[in-house]
Every structure is written in structure tokens, then in C-alpha cells.
PDB file of all heavy atoms in Angstrom:
ATOM      1  N   GLY A   1      82.834  88.002 120.825  1.00  0.00           N
ATOM      2  CA  GLY A   1      82.411  88.455 119.505  1.00  0.00           C
ATOM      3  C   GLY A   1      83.401  88.152 118.400  1.00  0.00           C
ATOM      4  O   GLY A   1      83.037  87.588 117.353  1.00  0.00           O
ATOM      5  N   PRO A   2      84.684  88.518 118.560  1.00  0.00           N
ATOM      6  CA  PRO A   2      85.670  88.232 117.513  1.00  0.00           C
ATOM      7  C   PRO A   2      85.786  86.750 117.173  1.00  0.00           C
ATOM      8  O   PRO A   2      85.989  86.393 116.012  1.00  0.00           O
ATOM      9  CB  PRO A   2      86.976  88.765 118.118  1.00  0.00           C
ATOM     10  CG  PRO A   2      86.539  89.848 119.044  1.00  0.00           C
ATOM     11  CD  PRO A   2      85.241  89.366 119.626  1.00  0.00           C
ATOM     12  N   ALA A   3      85.656  85.867 118.165  1.00  0.00           N
ATOM     13  CA  ALA A   3      85.744  84.433 117.892  1.00  0.00           C
ATOM     14  C   ALA A   3      84.621  83.995 116.968  1.00  0.00           C
ATOM     15  O   ALA A   3      84.822  83.180 116.054  1.00  0.00           O
ATOM     16  CB  ALA A   3      85.693  83.648 119.206  1.00  0.00           C
ATOM     17  N   ALA A   4      83.427  84.524 117.162  1.00  0.00           N
ATOM     18  CA  ALA A   4      82.302  84.169 116.299  1.00  0.00           C
ATOM     19  C   ALA A   4      82.539  84.648 114.874  1.00  0.00           C
ATOM     20  O   ALA A   4      82.208  83.957 113.908  1.00  0.00           O
ATOM     21  CB  ALA A   4      81.007  84.768 116.857  1.00  0.00           C
ATOM     22  N   GLY A   5      83.122  85.845 114.721  1.00  0.00           N
ATOM     23  CA  GLY A   5      83.411  86.356 113.385  1.00  0.00           C
ATOM     24  C   GLY A   5      84.377  85.470 112.635  1.00  0.00           C
ATOM     25  O   GLY A   5      84.230  85.242 111.418  1.00  0.00           O
ATOM     26  N   LEU A   6      85.394  84.952 113.329  1.00  0.00           N
ATOM     27  CA  LEU A   6      86.351  84.046 112.694  1.00  0.00           C
ATOM     28  C   LEU A   6      85.653  82.785 112.197  1.00  0.00           C
ATOM     29  O   LEU A   6      85.856  82.350 111.048  1.00  0.00           O
ATOM     30  CB  LEU A   6      87.449  83.674 113.682  1.00  0.00           C
ATOM     31  CG  LEU A   6      88.295  82.455 113.288  1.00  0.00           C
ATOM     32  CD1 LEU A   6      89.126  82.758 112.061  1.00  0.00           C
ATOM     33  CD2 LEU A   6      89.170  82.007 114.444  1.00  0.00           C
ATOM     34  N   LEU A   7      84.824  82.182 113.025  1.00  0.00           N
ATOM     35  CA  LEU A   7      84.164  80.941 112.641  1.00  0.00           C
ATOM     36  C   LEU A   7      83.223  81.161 111.461  1.00  0.00           C
ATOM     37  O   LEU A   7      83.114  80.314 110.569  1.00  0.00           O
ATOM     38  CB  LEU A   7      83.402  80.371 113.839  1.00  0.00           C
ATOM     39  CG  LEU A   7      84.271  79.999 115.045  1.00  0.00           C
ATOM     40  CD1 LEU A   7      83.421  79.539 116.208  1.00  0.00           C
ATOM     41  CD2 LEU A   7      85.264  78.911 114.671  1.00  0.00           C
ATOM     42  N   GLY A   8      82.541  82.304 111.438  1.00  0.00           N
ATOM     43  CA  GLY A   8      81.690  82.614 110.302  1.00  0.00           C
ATOM     44  C   GLY A   8      82.490  82.796 109.029  1.00  0.00           C
ATOM     45  O   GLY A   8      82.065  82.369 107.943  1.00  0.00           O
ATOM     46  N   GLY A   9      83.667  83.414 109.125  1.00  0.00           N
ATOM     47  CA  GLY A   9      84.526  83.600 107.961  1.00  0.00           C
ATOM     48  C   GLY A   9      85.078  82.291 107.434  1.00  0.00           C
ATOM     49  O   GLY A   9      85.141  82.074 106.206  1.00  0.00           O
ATOM     50  N   ILE A  10      85.503  81.404 108.331  1.00  0.00           N
ATOM     51  CA  ILE A  10      86.014  80.095 107.916  1.00  0.00           C
ATOM     52  C   ILE A  10      84.919  79.315 107.194  1.00  0.00           C
ATOM     53  O   ILE A  10      85.159  78.665 106.168  1.00  0.00           O
ATOM     54  CB  ILE A  10      86.530  79.317 109.137  1.00  0.00           C
ATOM     55  CG1 ILE A  10      87.807  79.958 109.677  1.00  0.00           C
ATOM     56  CG2 ILE A  10      86.775  77.854 108.793  1.00  0.00           C
ATOM     57  CD1 ILE A  10      88.317  79.330 110.955  1.00  0.00           C
ATOM     58  N   ASP A  11      83.697  79.381 107.716  1.00  0.00           N
ATOM     59  CA  ASP A  11      82.585  78.662 107.098  1.00  0.00           C
ATOM     60  C   ASP A  11      82.305  79.200 105.699  1.00  0.00           C
ATOM     61  O   ASP A  11      82.066  78.429 104.760  1.00  0.00           O
ATOM     62  CB  ASP A  11      81.343  78.802 107.986  1.00  0.00           C
ATOM     63  CG  ASP A  11      80.166  77.994 107.481  1.00  0.00           C
ATOM     64  OD1 ASP A  11      80.274  76.760 107.456  1.00  0.00           O
ATOM     65  OD2 ASP A  11      79.149  78.593 107.096  1.00  0.00           O
ATOM     66  N   ALA A  12      82.360  80.528 105.514  1.00  0.00           N
ATOM     67  CA  ALA A  12      82.118  81.120 104.193  1.00  0.00           C
ATOM     68  C   ALA A  12      83.182  80.692 103.200  1.00  0.00           C
ATOM     69  O   ALA A  12      82.883  80.364 102.040  1.00  0.00           O
ATOM     70  CB  ALA A  12      82.072  82.642 104.313  1.00  0.00           C
ATOM     71  N   ALA A  13      84.469  80.683 103.616  1.00  0.00           N
ATOM     72  CA  ALA A  13      85.555  80.277 102.725  1.00  0.00           C
ATOM     73  C   ALA A  13      85.415  78.812 102.334  1.00  0.00           C
ATOM     74  O   ALA A  13      85.606  78.439 101.163  1.00  0.00           O
ATOM     75  CB  ALA A  13      86.906  80.524 103.393  1.00  0.00           C
ATOM     76  N   ARG A  14      85.080  77.966 103.295  1.00  0.00           N
ATOM     77  CA  ARG A  14      84.930  76.537 103.015  1.00  0.00           C
ATOM     78  C   ARG A  14      83.846  76.292 101.982  1.00  0.00           C
ATOM     79  O   ARG A  14      84.002  75.462 101.075  1.00  0.00           O
ATOM     80  CB  ARG A  14      84.603  75.796 104.319  1.00  0.00           C
ATOM     81  CG  ARG A  14      84.389  74.300 104.147  1.00  0.00           C
ATOM     82  CD  ARG A  14      84.067  73.642 105.484  1.00  0.00           C
ATOM     83  NE  ARG A  14      82.869  74.196 106.084  1.00  0.00           N
ATOM     84  CZ  ARG A  14      81.631  73.813 105.758  1.00  0.00           C
ATOM     85  NH1 ARG A  14      81.456  72.881 104.820  1.00  0.00           N
ATOM     86  NH2 ARG A  14      80.577  74.348 106.356  1.00  0.00           N
ATOM     87  N   ARG A  15      82.759  77.010 102.075  1.00  0.00           N
ATOM     88  CA  ARG A  15      81.652  76.809 101.144  1.00  0.00           C
ATOM     89  C   ARG A  15      81.999  77.285  99.733  1.00  0.00           C
ATOM     90  O   ARG A  15      81.345  76.880  98.768  1.00  0.00           O
ATOM     91  CB  ARG A  15      80.399  77.522 101.659  1.00  0.00           C
ATOM     92  CG  ARG A  15      79.863  76.913 102.942  1.00  0.00           C
ATOM     93  CD  ARG A  15      78.644  77.662 103.471  1.00  0.00           C
ATOM     94  NE  ARG A  15      78.242  77.133 104.764  1.00  0.00           N
ATOM     95  CZ  ARG A  15      77.486  76.057 104.924  1.00  0.00           C
ATOM     96  NH1 ARG A  15      77.053  75.399 103.873  1.00  0.00           N
ATOM     97  NH2 ARG A  15      77.159  75.645 106.128  1.00  0.00           N
ATOM     98  N   SER A  16      82.996  78.137  99.606  1.00  0.00           N
ATOM     99  CA  SER A  16      83.449  78.557  98.284  1.00  0.00           C
ATOM    100  C   SER A  16      84.632  77.735  97.794  1.00  0.00           C
ATOM    101  O   SER A  16      85.215  78.049  96.757  1.00  0.00           O
ATOM    102  CB  SER A  16      83.824  80.052  98.300  1.00  0.00           C
ATOM    103  OG  SER A  16      82.665  80.851  98.337  1.00  0.00           O
ATOM    104  N   GLY A  17      85.014  76.720  98.543  1.00  0.00           N
ATOM    105  CA  GLY A  17      86.064  75.817  98.100  1.00  0.00           C
ATOM    106  C   GLY A  17      87.462  76.197  98.513  1.00  0.00           C
ATOM    107  O   GLY A  17      88.436  75.655  97.988  1.00  0.00           O
ATOM    108  N   PHE A  18      87.612  77.111  99.486  1.00  0.00           N
ATOM    109  CA  PHE A  18      88.932  77.532  99.957  1.00  0.00           C
ATOM    110  C   PHE A  18      89.185  76.959 101.342  1.00  0.00           C
ATOM    111  O   PHE A  18      88.292  76.908 102.190  1.00  0.00           O
ATOM    112  CB  PHE A  18      89.031  79.055 100.014  1.00  0.00           C
ATOM    113  CG  PHE A  18      88.895  79.732  98.677  1.00  0.00           C
ATOM    114  CD1 PHE A  18      87.679  80.271  98.287  1.00  0.00           C
ATOM    115  CD2 PHE A  18      89.971  79.822  97.810  1.00  0.00           C
ATOM    116  CE1 PHE A  18      87.541  80.898  97.057  1.00  0.00           C
ATOM    117  CE2 PHE A  18      89.844  80.448  96.578  1.00  0.00           C
ATOM    118  CZ  PHE A  18      88.623  80.992  96.194  1.00  0.00           C
ATOM    119  N   ALA A  19      90.420  76.543 101.586  1.00  0.00           N
ATOM    120  CA  ALA A  19      90.793  75.991 102.892  1.00  0.00           C
ATOM    121  C   ALA A  19      91.568  77.019 103.716  1.00  0.00           C
ATOM    122  O   ALA A  19      91.108  77.469 104.766  1.00  0.00           O
ATOM    123  CB  ALA A  19      91.608  74.716 102.710  1.00  0.00           C
ATOM    124  N   ASN A  20      92.772  77.407 103.241  1.00  0.00           N
ATOM    125  CA  ASN A  20      93.576  78.392 103.976  1.00  0.00           C
ATOM    126  C   ASN A  20      92.844  79.729 103.995  1.00  0.00           C
ATOM    127  O   ASN A  20      92.548  80.304 102.940  1.00  0.00           O
ATOM    128  CB  ASN A  20      94.943  78.559 103.319  1.00  0.00           C
ATOM    129  CG  ASN A  20      95.794  77.317 103.447  1.00  0.00           C
ATOM    130  OD1 ASN A  20      95.606  76.507 104.351  1.00  0.00           O
ATOM    131  ND2 ASN A  20      96.745  77.156 102.541  1.00  0.00           N
ATOM    132  N   THR A  21      92.588  80.239 105.183  1.00  0.00           N
ATOM    133  CA  THR A  21      91.710  81.401 105.314  1.00  0.00           C
ATOM    134  C   THR A  21      92.327  82.470 106.210  1.00  0.00           C
ATOM    135  O   THR A  21      92.874  82.162 107.275  1.00  0.00           O
ATOM    136  CB  THR A  21      90.353  80.984 105.911  1.00  0.00           C
ATOM    137  OG1 THR A  21      89.801  79.921 105.127  1.00  0.00           O
ATOM    138  CG2 THR A  21      89.391  82.146 105.942  1.00  0.00           C
ATOM    139  N   ILE A  22      92.241  83.716 105.766  1.00  0.00           N
ATOM    140  CA  ILE A  22      92.511  84.871 106.608  1.00  0.00           C
ATOM    141  C   ILE A  22      91.207  85.643 106.722  1.00  0.00           C
ATOM    142  O   ILE A  22      90.618  86.017 105.707  1.00  0.00           O
ATOM    143  CB  ILE A  22      93.608  85.779 106.026  1.00  0.00           C
ATOM    144  CG1 ILE A  22      94.938  85.036 105.941  1.00  0.00           C
ATOM    145  CG2 ILE A  22      93.765  87.048 106.874  1.00  0.00           C
ATOM    146  CD1 ILE A  22      96.040  85.824 105.250  1.00  0.00           C
ATOM    147  N   THR A  23      90.735  85.845 107.934  1.00  0.00           N
ATOM    148  CA  THR A  23      89.484  86.568 108.123  1.00  0.00           C
ATOM    149  C   THR A  23      89.762  88.008 108.516  1.00  0.00           C
ATOM    150  O   THR A  23      90.650  88.292 109.321  1.00  0.00           O
ATOM    151  CB  THR A  23      88.606  85.903 109.200  1.00  0.00           C
ATOM    152  OG1 THR A  23      89.318  85.857 110.443  1.00  0.00           O
ATOM    153  CG2 THR A  23      88.247  84.489 108.790  1.00  0.00           C
ATOM    154  N   LEU A  24      88.992  88.909 107.936  1.00  0.00           N
ATOM    155  CA  LEU A  24      89.084  90.333 108.222  1.00  0.00           C
ATOM    156  C   LEU A  24      87.686  90.817 108.558  1.00  0.00           C
ATOM    157  O   LEU A  24      86.842  90.980 107.674  1.00  0.00           O
ATOM    158  CB  LEU A  24      89.637  91.092 107.010  1.00  0.00           C
ATOM    159  CG  LEU A  24      89.619  92.621 107.090  1.00  0.00           C
ATOM    160  CD1 LEU A  24      90.649  93.118 108.105  1.00  0.00           C
ATOM    161  CD2 LEU A  24      89.880  93.238 105.719  1.00  0.00           C
ATOM    162  N   ASP A  25      87.427  91.020 109.830  1.00  0.00           N
ATOM    163  CA  ASP A  25      86.102  91.433 110.306  1.00  0.00           C
ATOM    164  C   ASP A  25      86.214  92.873 110.799  1.00  0.00           C
ATOM    165  O   ASP A  25      86.743  93.135 111.878  1.00  0.00           O
ATOM    166  CB  ASP A  25      85.643  90.498 111.425  1.00  0.00           C
ATOM    167  CG  ASP A  25      84.193  90.730 111.817  1.00  0.00           C
ATOM    168  OD1 ASP A  25      83.609  91.730 111.375  1.00  0.00           O
ATOM    169  OD2 ASP A  25      83.641  89.912 112.574  1.00  0.00           O
ATOM    170  N   VAL A  26      85.731  93.805 109.986  1.00  0.00           N
ATOM    171  CA  VAL A  26      85.868  95.227 110.296  1.00  0.00           C
ATOM    172  C   VAL A  26      84.503  95.798 110.667  1.00  0.00           C
ATOM    173  O   VAL A  26      83.579  95.804 109.849  1.00  0.00           O
ATOM    174  CB  VAL A  26      86.445  96.017 109.107  1.00  0.00           C
ATOM    175  CG1 VAL A  26      86.723  97.466 109.519  1.00  0.00           C
ATOM    176  CG2 VAL A  26      87.717  95.357 108.598  1.00  0.00           C
ATOM    177  N   GLY A  27      84.389  96.252 111.890  1.00  0.00           N
ATOM    178  CA  GLY A  27      83.145  96.856 112.350  1.00  0.00           C
ATOM    179  C   GLY A  27      83.273  98.362 112.436  1.00  0.00           C
ATOM    180  O   GLY A  27      84.056  98.991 111.735  1.00  0.00           O
ATOM    181  N   GLY A  28      82.511  98.935 113.331  1.00  0.00           N
ATOM    182  CA  GLY A  28      82.549 100.384 113.472  1.00  0.00           C
ATOM    183  C   GLY A  28      83.676 100.871 114.349  1.00  0.00           C
ATOM    184  O   GLY A  28      84.123 102.009 114.223  1.00  0.00           O
ATOM    185  N   THR A  29      84.184  99.999 115.240  1.00  0.00           N
ATOM    186  CA  THR A  29      85.186 100.417 116.213  1.00  0.00           C
ATOM    187  C   THR A  29      86.544  99.771 115.986  1.00  0.00           C
ATOM    188  O   THR A  29      87.576 100.400 116.205  1.00  0.00           O
ATOM    189  CB  THR A  29      84.695 100.073 117.641  1.00  0.00           C
ATOM    190  OG1 THR A  29      83.410 100.656 117.844  1.00  0.00           O
ATOM    191  CG2 THR A  29      85.660 100.592 118.684  1.00  0.00           C
ATOM    192  N   SER A  30      86.564  98.522 115.537  1.00  0.00           N
ATOM    193  CA  SER A  30      87.822  97.789 115.440  1.00  0.00           C
ATOM    194  C   SER A  30      87.796  96.820 114.274  1.00  0.00           C
ATOM    195  O   SER A  30      86.755  96.579 113.650  1.00  0.00           O
ATOM    196  CB  SER A  30      88.089  97.032 116.749  1.00  0.00           C
ATOM    197  OG  SER A  30      87.048  96.099 116.981  1.00  0.00           O
ATOM    198  N   ALA A  31      88.971  96.247 113.997  1.00  0.00           N
ATOM    199  CA  ALA A  31      89.122  95.209 112.981  1.00  0.00           C
ATOM    200  C   ALA A  31      89.730  93.987 113.642  1.00  0.00           C
ATOM    201  O   ALA A  31      90.753  94.081 114.323  1.00  0.00           O
ATOM    202  CB  ALA A  31      89.996  95.695 111.833  1.00  0.00           C
ATOM    203  N   ASP A  32      89.106  92.834 113.435  1.00  0.00           N
ATOM    204  CA  ASP A  32      89.591  91.569 113.982  1.00  0.00           C
ATOM    205  C   ASP A  32      90.175  90.746 112.843  1.00  0.00           C
ATOM    206  O   ASP A  32      89.510  90.497 111.836  1.00  0.00           O
ATOM    207  CB  ASP A  32      88.455  90.800 114.654  1.00  0.00           C
ATOM    208  CG  ASP A  32      87.817  91.590 115.788  1.00  0.00           C
ATOM    209  OD1 ASP A  32      88.566  92.214 116.559  1.00  0.00           O
ATOM    210  OD2 ASP A  32      86.586  91.595 115.892  1.00  0.00           O
ATOM    211  N   ILE A  33      91.419  90.303 113.025  1.00  0.00           N
ATOM    212  CA  ILE A  33      92.152  89.599 111.972  1.00  0.00           C
ATOM    213  C   ILE A  33      92.634  88.272 112.524  1.00  0.00           C
ATOM    214  O   ILE A  33      93.172  88.198 113.638  1.00  0.00           O
ATOM    215  CB  ILE A  33      93.331  90.458 111.485  1.00  0.00           C
ATOM    216  CG1 ILE A  33      92.800  91.707 110.786  1.00  0.00           C
ATOM    217  CG2 ILE A  33      94.248  89.672 110.557  1.00  0.00           C
ATOM    218  CD1 ILE A  33      93.769  92.848 110.744  1.00  0.00           C
ATOM    219  N   CYS A  34      92.442  87.202 111.740  1.00  0.00           N
ATOM    220  CA  CYS A  34      92.879  85.881 112.182  1.00  0.00           C
ATOM    221  C   CYS A  34      93.334  85.072 110.984  1.00  0.00           C
ATOM    222  O   CYS A  34      92.752  85.161 109.897  1.00  0.00           O
ATOM    223  CB  CYS A  34      91.745  85.156 112.904  1.00  0.00           C
ATOM    224  SG  CYS A  34      92.241  83.572 113.619  1.00  0.00           S
ATOM    225  N   VAL A  35      94.383  84.284 111.183  1.00  0.00           N
ATOM    226  CA  VAL A  35      94.913  83.395 110.157  1.00  0.00           C
ATOM    227  C   VAL A  35      94.545  81.971 110.542  1.00  0.00           C
ATOM    228  O   VAL A  35      94.877  81.504 111.636  1.00  0.00           O
ATOM    229  CB  VAL A  35      96.444  83.552 110.028  1.00  0.00           C
ATOM    230  CG1 VAL A  35      96.997  82.577 108.999  1.00  0.00           C
ATOM    231  CG2 VAL A  35      96.796  84.995 109.653  1.00  0.00           C
ATOM    232  N   ALA A  36      93.848  81.272 109.626  1.00  0.00           N
ATOM    233  CA  ALA A  36      93.371  79.915 109.895  1.00  0.00           C
ATOM    234  C   ALA A  36      93.878  78.968 108.818  1.00  0.00           C
ATOM    235  O   ALA A  36      93.206  78.755 107.807  1.00  0.00           O
ATOM    236  CB  ALA A  36      91.847  79.891 109.963  1.00  0.00           C
ATOM    237  N   PRO A  37      95.072  78.383 108.991  1.00  0.00           N
ATOM    238  CA  PRO A  37      95.585  77.422 108.009  1.00  0.00           C
ATOM    239  C   PRO A  37      94.669  76.212 107.913  1.00  0.00           C
ATOM    240  O   PRO A  37      94.221  75.676 108.928  1.00  0.00           O
ATOM    241  CB  PRO A  37      96.963  77.037 108.562  1.00  0.00           C
ATOM    242  CG  PRO A  37      97.295  78.089 109.576  1.00  0.00           C
ATOM    243  CD  PRO A  37      95.988  78.563 110.117  1.00  0.00           C
ATOM    244  N   ALA A  38      94.374  75.795 106.689  1.00  0.00           N
ATOM    245  CA  ALA A  38      93.494  74.638 106.441  1.00  0.00           C
ATOM    246  C   ALA A  38      92.134  74.806 107.105  1.00  0.00           C
ATOM    247  O   ALA A  38      91.461  73.828 107.431  1.00  0.00           O
ATOM    248  CB  ALA A  38      94.167  73.348 106.915  1.00  0.00           C
ATOM    249  N   GLY A  39      91.734  76.059 107.326  1.00  0.00           N
ATOM    250  CA  GLY A  39      90.433  76.316 107.909  1.00  0.00           C
ATOM    251  C   GLY A  39      90.326  75.993 109.381  1.00  0.00           C
ATOM    252  O   GLY A  39      89.218  75.855 109.908  1.00  0.00           O
ATOM    253  N   GLN A  40      91.462  75.887 110.070  1.00  0.00           N
ATOM    254  CA  GLN A  40      91.476  75.568 111.495  1.00  0.00           C
ATOM    255  C   GLN A  40      91.939  76.780 112.301  1.00  0.00           C
ATOM    256  O   GLN A  40      93.020  77.306 112.061  1.00  0.00           O
ATOM    257  CB  GLN A  40      92.401  74.379 111.785  1.00  0.00           C
ATOM    258  CG  GLN A  40      91.975  73.089 111.098  1.00  0.00           C
ATOM    259  CD  GLN A  40      90.623  72.601 111.581  1.00  0.00           C
ATOM    260  OE1 GLN A  40      90.341  72.593 112.778  1.00  0.00           O
ATOM    261  NE2 GLN A  40      89.775  72.195 110.640  1.00  0.00           N
ATOM    262  N   ALA A  41      91.111  77.199 113.236  1.00  0.00           N
ATOM    263  CA  ALA A  41      91.475  78.333 114.080  1.00  0.00           C
ATOM    264  C   ALA A  41      92.652  77.973 114.972  1.00  0.00           C
ATOM    265  O   ALA A  41      92.658  76.913 115.602  1.00  0.00           O
ATOM    266  CB  ALA A  41      90.279  78.747 114.931  1.00  0.00           C
ATOM    267  N   ARG A  42      93.670  78.823 115.010  1.00  0.00           N
ATOM    268  CA  ARG A  42      94.811  78.593 115.885  1.00  0.00           C
ATOM    269  C   ARG A  42      94.533  79.175 117.262  1.00  0.00           C
ATOM    270  O   ARG A  42      93.920  80.229 117.388  1.00  0.00           O
ATOM    271  CB  ARG A  42      96.070  79.237 115.292  1.00  0.00           C
ATOM    272  CG  ARG A  42      96.523  78.614 113.979  1.00  0.00           C
ATOM    273  CD  ARG A  42      97.786  79.295 113.475  1.00  0.00           C
ATOM    274  NE  ARG A  42      97.575  80.720 113.313  1.00  0.00           N
ATOM    275  CZ  ARG A  42      98.498  81.660 113.548  1.00  0.00           C
ATOM    276  NH1 ARG A  42      99.685  81.309 113.993  1.00  0.00           N
ATOM    277  NH2 ARG A  42      98.236  82.929 113.360  1.00  0.00           N
ATOM    278  N   MET A  43      95.011  78.484 118.293  1.00  0.00           N
ATOM    279  CA  MET A  43      94.829  78.956 119.659  1.00  0.00           C
ATOM    280  C   MET A  43      96.061  79.735 120.102  1.00  0.00           C
ATOM    281  O   MET A  43      97.191  79.401 119.723  1.00  0.00           O
ATOM    282  CB  MET A  43      94.599  77.782 120.607  1.00  0.00           C
ATOM    283  CG  MET A  43      93.422  76.886 120.225  1.00  0.00           C
ATOM    284  SD  MET A  43      91.842  77.749 120.167  1.00  0.00           S
ATOM    285  CE  MET A  43      91.604  78.104 121.907  1.00  0.00           C
ATOM    286  N   LYS A  44      95.847  80.760 120.883  1.00  0.00           N
ATOM    287  CA  LYS A  44      96.969  81.523 121.430  1.00  0.00           C
ATOM    288  C   LYS A  44      97.730  80.689 122.454  1.00  0.00           C
ATOM    289  O   LYS A  44      97.144  79.879 123.168  1.00  0.00           O
ATOM    290  CB  LYS A  44      96.474  82.802 122.100  1.00  0.00           C
ATOM    291  CG  LYS A  44      96.153  83.933 121.152  1.00  0.00           C
ATOM    292  CD  LYS A  44      95.916  85.217 121.915  1.00  0.00           C
ATOM    293  CE  LYS A  44      95.732  86.393 120.965  1.00  0.00           C
ATOM    294  NZ  LYS A  44      95.552  87.671 121.680  1.00  0.00           N
ATOM    295  N   HIS A  45      99.036  80.923 122.496  1.00  0.00           N
ATOM    296  CA  HIS A  45      99.811  80.346 123.595  1.00  0.00           C
ATOM    297  C   HIS A  45      99.311  80.971 124.891  1.00  0.00           C
ATOM    298  O   HIS A  45      99.037  82.174 124.954  1.00  0.00           O
ATOM    299  CB  HIS A  45     101.298  80.640 123.403  1.00  0.00           C
ATOM    300  CG  HIS A  45     102.175  79.889 124.351  1.00  0.00           C
ATOM    301  ND1 HIS A  45     102.258  80.206 125.684  1.00  0.00           N
ATOM    302  CD2 HIS A  45     102.996  78.829 124.167  1.00  0.00           C
ATOM    303  CE1 HIS A  45     103.108  79.385 126.281  1.00  0.00           C
ATOM    304  NE2 HIS A  45     103.563  78.545 125.386  1.00  0.00           N
TER     305      HIS A  45
END
């Protein structure tokens, strides 16, 4: 679920003309936060 939220956030930022993106997906139970430089999701080590 959190991975899908990140991709949706990156897509929204790109369509508004922004590249560097921080996504904040806050639901009822938790908040998912991701930093995507140049609109690219970083992978965990």
C-alpha cells in the first residue's frame, strides 16, 4: 500500500511541474513519508 501512495504522489507532483518530491500519505492509522529526488523513488539498502 505505501509504495502505491508514493507513486501516486510523484505522478501528481510531476503533472504540476515539480520534480523533487516529498510524499506525505496520512491515513487513519499511519503516515507514510518518502523522499523522491528528481521524482525517482529511492530503494532501501
